[in-house]
Amino acid sequence: MSNSQALILIDWQVGFDQYEFWGGNRNNPAAETNARSLLDHWRANQFPIIHCIHDSQSADSLLRLDKESGKIKPGFEPRSNEPLIVKNVNSCFIGTDLQERLKSAQIQNLIICGLTTNHCVSTTTRMAGNFGFDVTLVGDACATFDRKDTQGDIIPAEIVHSVSLANIHNEFCVVENTAEILKR
């Protein structure tokens, strides 16, 4: 790996620990452990790292920076040399300087992980691919929650996660797992 490969960490915020608020069951309990392995590896090798967090405009959201639940999960706090991007929508590119930061640093390759697979992770990955970045999405360092379909039936989190990854693999990104990334 080279310095032209940035790790993008999306929405590792305390509010996502309140499963019921987000739909109940969450898949992939190892997501944080895998993401921390990536973060530790990037730090040890002094590769670029960018943290993105959500500051919702909705008063009842848990992802508001003026609430305790909006804080970054312990162990994911940015260091002084790691930029923190604050977004208000699903994409880390909308209303932020993320694209300009990456271009000015001549970073072409993005390794993305975070919460939730089918929302901010997918949206950011799709936009990154459309902007011409080479994107690897680390599937086992992402997670999501049960969702209700349009008929009110529950779709299990693991299916939502799997279908979300399948929808973007080889279209906007390549989906790999943590072990594959760390082997390179």
Protein backbone atom coordinates (compact mmCIF):
# COMPACT_ATOMS: atom_id res chain seq x y z
CA MET A 1 0.00 0.00 0.00
CA SER A 2 1.11 3.49 -0.62
CA ASN A 3 0.37 6.92 0.73
CA SER A 4 -2.01 7.39 -2.20
CA GLN A 5 -4.46 5.03 -0.46
CA ALA A 6 -6.63 6.73 2.14
CA LEU A 7 -8.77 5.02 4.75
CA ILE A 8 -12.19 6.67 5.00
CA LEU A 9 -13.99 5.90 8.28
CA ILE A 10 -17.70 6.72 8.15
CA ASP A 11 -19.98 7.45 11.12
CA TRP A 12 -18.37 5.44 13.91
CA GLN A 13 -20.65 7.26 16.38
CA VAL A 14 -22.03 6.24 19.77
CA GLY A 15 -25.65 6.66 18.67
CA PHE A 16 -25.39 3.56 16.51
CA ASP A 17 -25.09 1.47 19.67
CA GLN A 18 -28.83 2.07 20.30
CA TYR A 19 -30.03 -0.70 17.98
CA GLU A 20 -33.76 -0.25 18.60
CA PHE A 21 -33.65 3.34 17.36
CA TRP A 22 -32.27 2.14 14.01
CA GLY A 23 -34.55 -0.83 13.47
CA GLY A 24 -33.50 -3.48 15.96
CA ASN A 25 -31.15 -6.27 15.07
CA ARG A 26 -27.72 -5.28 13.73
CA ASN A 27 -25.55 -7.58 11.67
CA ASN A 28 -21.79 -8.06 11.87
CA PRO A 29 -20.85 -7.59 15.53
CA ALA A 30 -17.18 -7.70 14.42
CA ALA A 31 -17.46 -4.52 12.33
CA GLU A 32 -15.83 -2.28 14.96
CA THR A 33 -13.01 -4.77 15.58
CA ASN A 34 -12.30 -5.04 11.86
CA ALA A 35 -12.44 -1.29 11.35
CA ARG A 36 -10.08 -0.77 14.30
CA SER A 37 -7.65 -3.28 12.74
CA LEU A 38 -7.67 -1.19 9.58
CA LEU A 39 -7.26 2.04 11.55
CA ASP A 40 -4.36 0.61 13.57
CA HIS A 41 -2.67 -0.65 10.39
CA TRP A 42 -3.05 2.71 8.65
CA ARG A 43 -1.67 4.54 11.66
CA ALA A 44 1.28 2.17 12.04
CA ASN A 45 2.18 2.73 8.38
CA GLN A 46 1.43 6.46 8.45
CA PHE A 47 -1.07 6.15 5.60
CA PRO A 48 -3.69 8.89 5.14
CA ILE A 49 -6.83 8.57 7.28
CA ILE A 50 -9.99 10.66 7.04
CA HIS A 51 -12.81 10.45 9.59
CA CYS A 52 -16.34 11.38 8.52
CA ILE A 53 -19.17 11.82 10.98
CA HIS A 54 -22.82 12.79 10.72
CA ASP A 55 -24.37 15.86 12.29
CA SER A 56 -28.07 15.42 11.61
CA GLN A 57 -30.36 18.36 11.12
CA SER A 58 -33.23 16.36 12.65
CA ALA A 59 -33.92 17.28 16.28
CA ASP A 60 -34.68 13.68 17.30
CA SER A 61 -31.70 12.05 15.59
CA LEU A 62 -29.07 10.35 17.72
CA LEU A 63 -26.42 11.56 15.27
CA ARG A 64 -26.33 15.17 16.34
CA LEU A 65 -23.03 16.55 17.56
CA ASP A 66 -24.80 18.47 20.33
CA LYS A 67 -25.85 15.13 21.91
CA GLU A 68 -23.71 12.54 23.69
CA SER A 69 -24.92 9.98 21.15
CA GLY A 70 -23.35 12.05 18.36
CA LYS A 71 -19.85 11.57 19.77
CA ILE A 72 -17.30 9.34 18.06
CA LYS A 73 -17.08 5.82 19.46
CA PRO A 74 -14.14 5.26 21.83
CA GLY A 75 -11.09 4.07 19.93
CA PHE A 76 -12.11 5.84 16.72
CA GLU A 77 -11.26 9.40 17.76
CA PRO A 78 -9.15 11.20 15.14
CA ARG A 79 -5.58 12.10 15.93
CA SER A 80 -4.35 15.63 15.26
CA ASN A 81 -3.03 14.71 11.79
CA GLU A 82 -6.27 12.94 10.76
CA PRO A 83 -8.91 15.23 9.24
CA LEU A 84 -12.46 15.12 10.57
CA ILE A 85 -15.17 15.78 7.99
CA VAL A 86 -18.61 16.68 9.34
CA LYS A 87 -21.53 16.00 7.00
CA ASN A 88 -25.26 16.63 7.26
CA VAL A 89 -26.44 14.18 4.58
CA ASN A 90 -25.69 10.57 3.61
CA SER A 91 -22.69 11.32 1.38
CA CYS A 92 -19.34 12.36 2.81
CA PHE A 93 -18.84 14.38 -0.40
CA ILE A 94 -21.95 16.62 -0.26
CA GLY A 95 -21.42 19.92 1.54
CA THR A 96 -17.84 19.03 2.55
CA ASP A 97 -14.35 19.49 1.15
CA LEU A 98 -13.60 15.75 1.01
CA GLN A 99 -13.18 15.57 -2.77
CA GLU A 100 -10.90 18.62 -2.81
CA ARG A 101 -8.79 17.21 0.06
CA LEU A 102 -8.32 13.91 -1.75
CA LYS A 103 -7.48 15.55 -5.08
CA SER A 104 -5.02 18.02 -3.55
CA ALA A 105 -3.27 15.15 -1.73
CA GLN A 106 -3.23 13.17 -5.00
CA ILE A 107 -5.11 10.30 -3.38
CA GLN A 108 -6.81 8.10 -5.97
CA ASN A 109 -7.47 4.92 -3.98
CA LEU A 110 -10.02 4.87 -1.17
CA ILE A 111 -10.57 2.13 1.40
CA ILE A 112 -14.00 2.71 2.94
CA CYS A 113 -15.67 1.25 6.03
CA GLY A 114 -18.34 2.37 8.46
CA LEU A 115 -21.98 2.59 9.42
CA THR A 116 -24.43 1.96 7.94
CA THR A 117 -23.81 -0.21 4.89
CA ASN A 118 -27.00 0.73 3.07
CA HIS A 119 -27.00 4.45 3.88
CA CYS A 120 -23.91 6.64 4.29
CA VAL A 121 -21.42 3.92 3.34
CA SER A 122 -23.22 3.02 0.13
CA THR A 123 -23.95 6.64 -0.82
CA THR A 124 -20.36 7.74 -0.25
CA THR A 125 -19.00 4.70 -2.11
CA ARG A 126 -21.28 5.32 -5.09
CA MET A 127 -20.27 8.98 -5.30
CA ALA A 128 -16.57 8.15 -4.93
CA GLY A 129 -16.85 5.68 -7.81
CA ASN A 130 -18.71 8.24 -9.91
CA PHE A 131 -16.03 10.83 -9.17
CA GLY A 132 -13.45 8.42 -10.60
CA PHE A 133 -11.80 7.21 -7.40
CA ASP A 134 -10.70 3.59 -7.16
CA VAL A 135 -12.72 2.32 -4.21
CA THR A 136 -12.38 -0.75 -2.05
CA LEU A 137 -15.26 -1.23 0.37
CA VAL A 138 -14.37 -3.38 3.36
CA GLY A 139 -17.57 -5.40 3.77
CA ASP A 140 -16.72 -6.98 7.11
CA ALA A 141 -15.88 -3.55 8.56
CA CYS A 142 -19.41 -2.28 7.90
CA ALA A 143 -22.79 -3.09 9.43
CA THR A 144 -26.45 -2.20 9.25
CA PHE A 145 -29.79 -2.85 10.90
CA ASP A 146 -33.07 -4.60 10.16
CA ARG A 147 -35.26 -2.61 7.78
CA LYS A 148 -38.97 -2.63 7.00
CA ASP A 149 -39.91 -3.03 3.37
CA THR A 150 -42.73 -1.06 1.75
CA GLN A 151 -45.25 -3.66 2.96
CA GLY A 152 -44.07 -3.37 6.57
CA ASP A 153 -42.25 -6.71 6.59
CA ILE A 154 -38.87 -6.93 8.33
CA ILE A 155 -35.81 -7.51 6.16
CA PRO A 156 -33.04 -8.95 8.37
CA ALA A 157 -29.91 -6.83 8.73
CA GLU A 158 -27.67 -9.52 7.24
CA ILE A 159 -29.74 -9.55 4.05
CA VAL A 160 -29.81 -5.75 3.86
CA HIS A 161 -26.02 -5.75 4.29
CA SER A 162 -25.42 -8.51 1.73
CA VAL A 163 -27.69 -6.99 -0.91
CA SER A 164 -26.22 -3.53 -0.33
CA LEU A 165 -22.71 -4.88 -0.95
CA ALA A 166 -23.86 -6.88 -4.00
CA ASN A 167 -25.51 -3.79 -5.50
CA ILE A 168 -22.26 -1.81 -5.60
CA HIS A 169 -19.57 -4.52 -6.01
CA ASN A 170 -17.83 -4.30 -9.39
CA GLU A 171 -19.94 -1.27 -10.26
CA PHE A 172 -18.80 1.50 -7.89
CA CYS A 173 -16.17 -0.42 -5.92
CA VAL A 174 -14.61 -3.76 -5.18
CA VAL A 175 -15.80 -5.36 -1.96
CA GLU A 176 -13.08 -7.09 0.06
CA ASN A 177 -12.66 -8.12 3.69
CA THR A 178 -10.28 -6.85 6.33
CA ALA A 179 -7.87 -9.81 6.09
CA GLU A 180 -7.49 -9.26 2.33
CA ILE A 181 -6.73 -5.58 2.82
CA LEU A 182 -4.19 -6.19 5.58
CA LYS A 183 -2.35 -8.82 3.50
CA ARG A 184 -1.45 -6.25 0.83
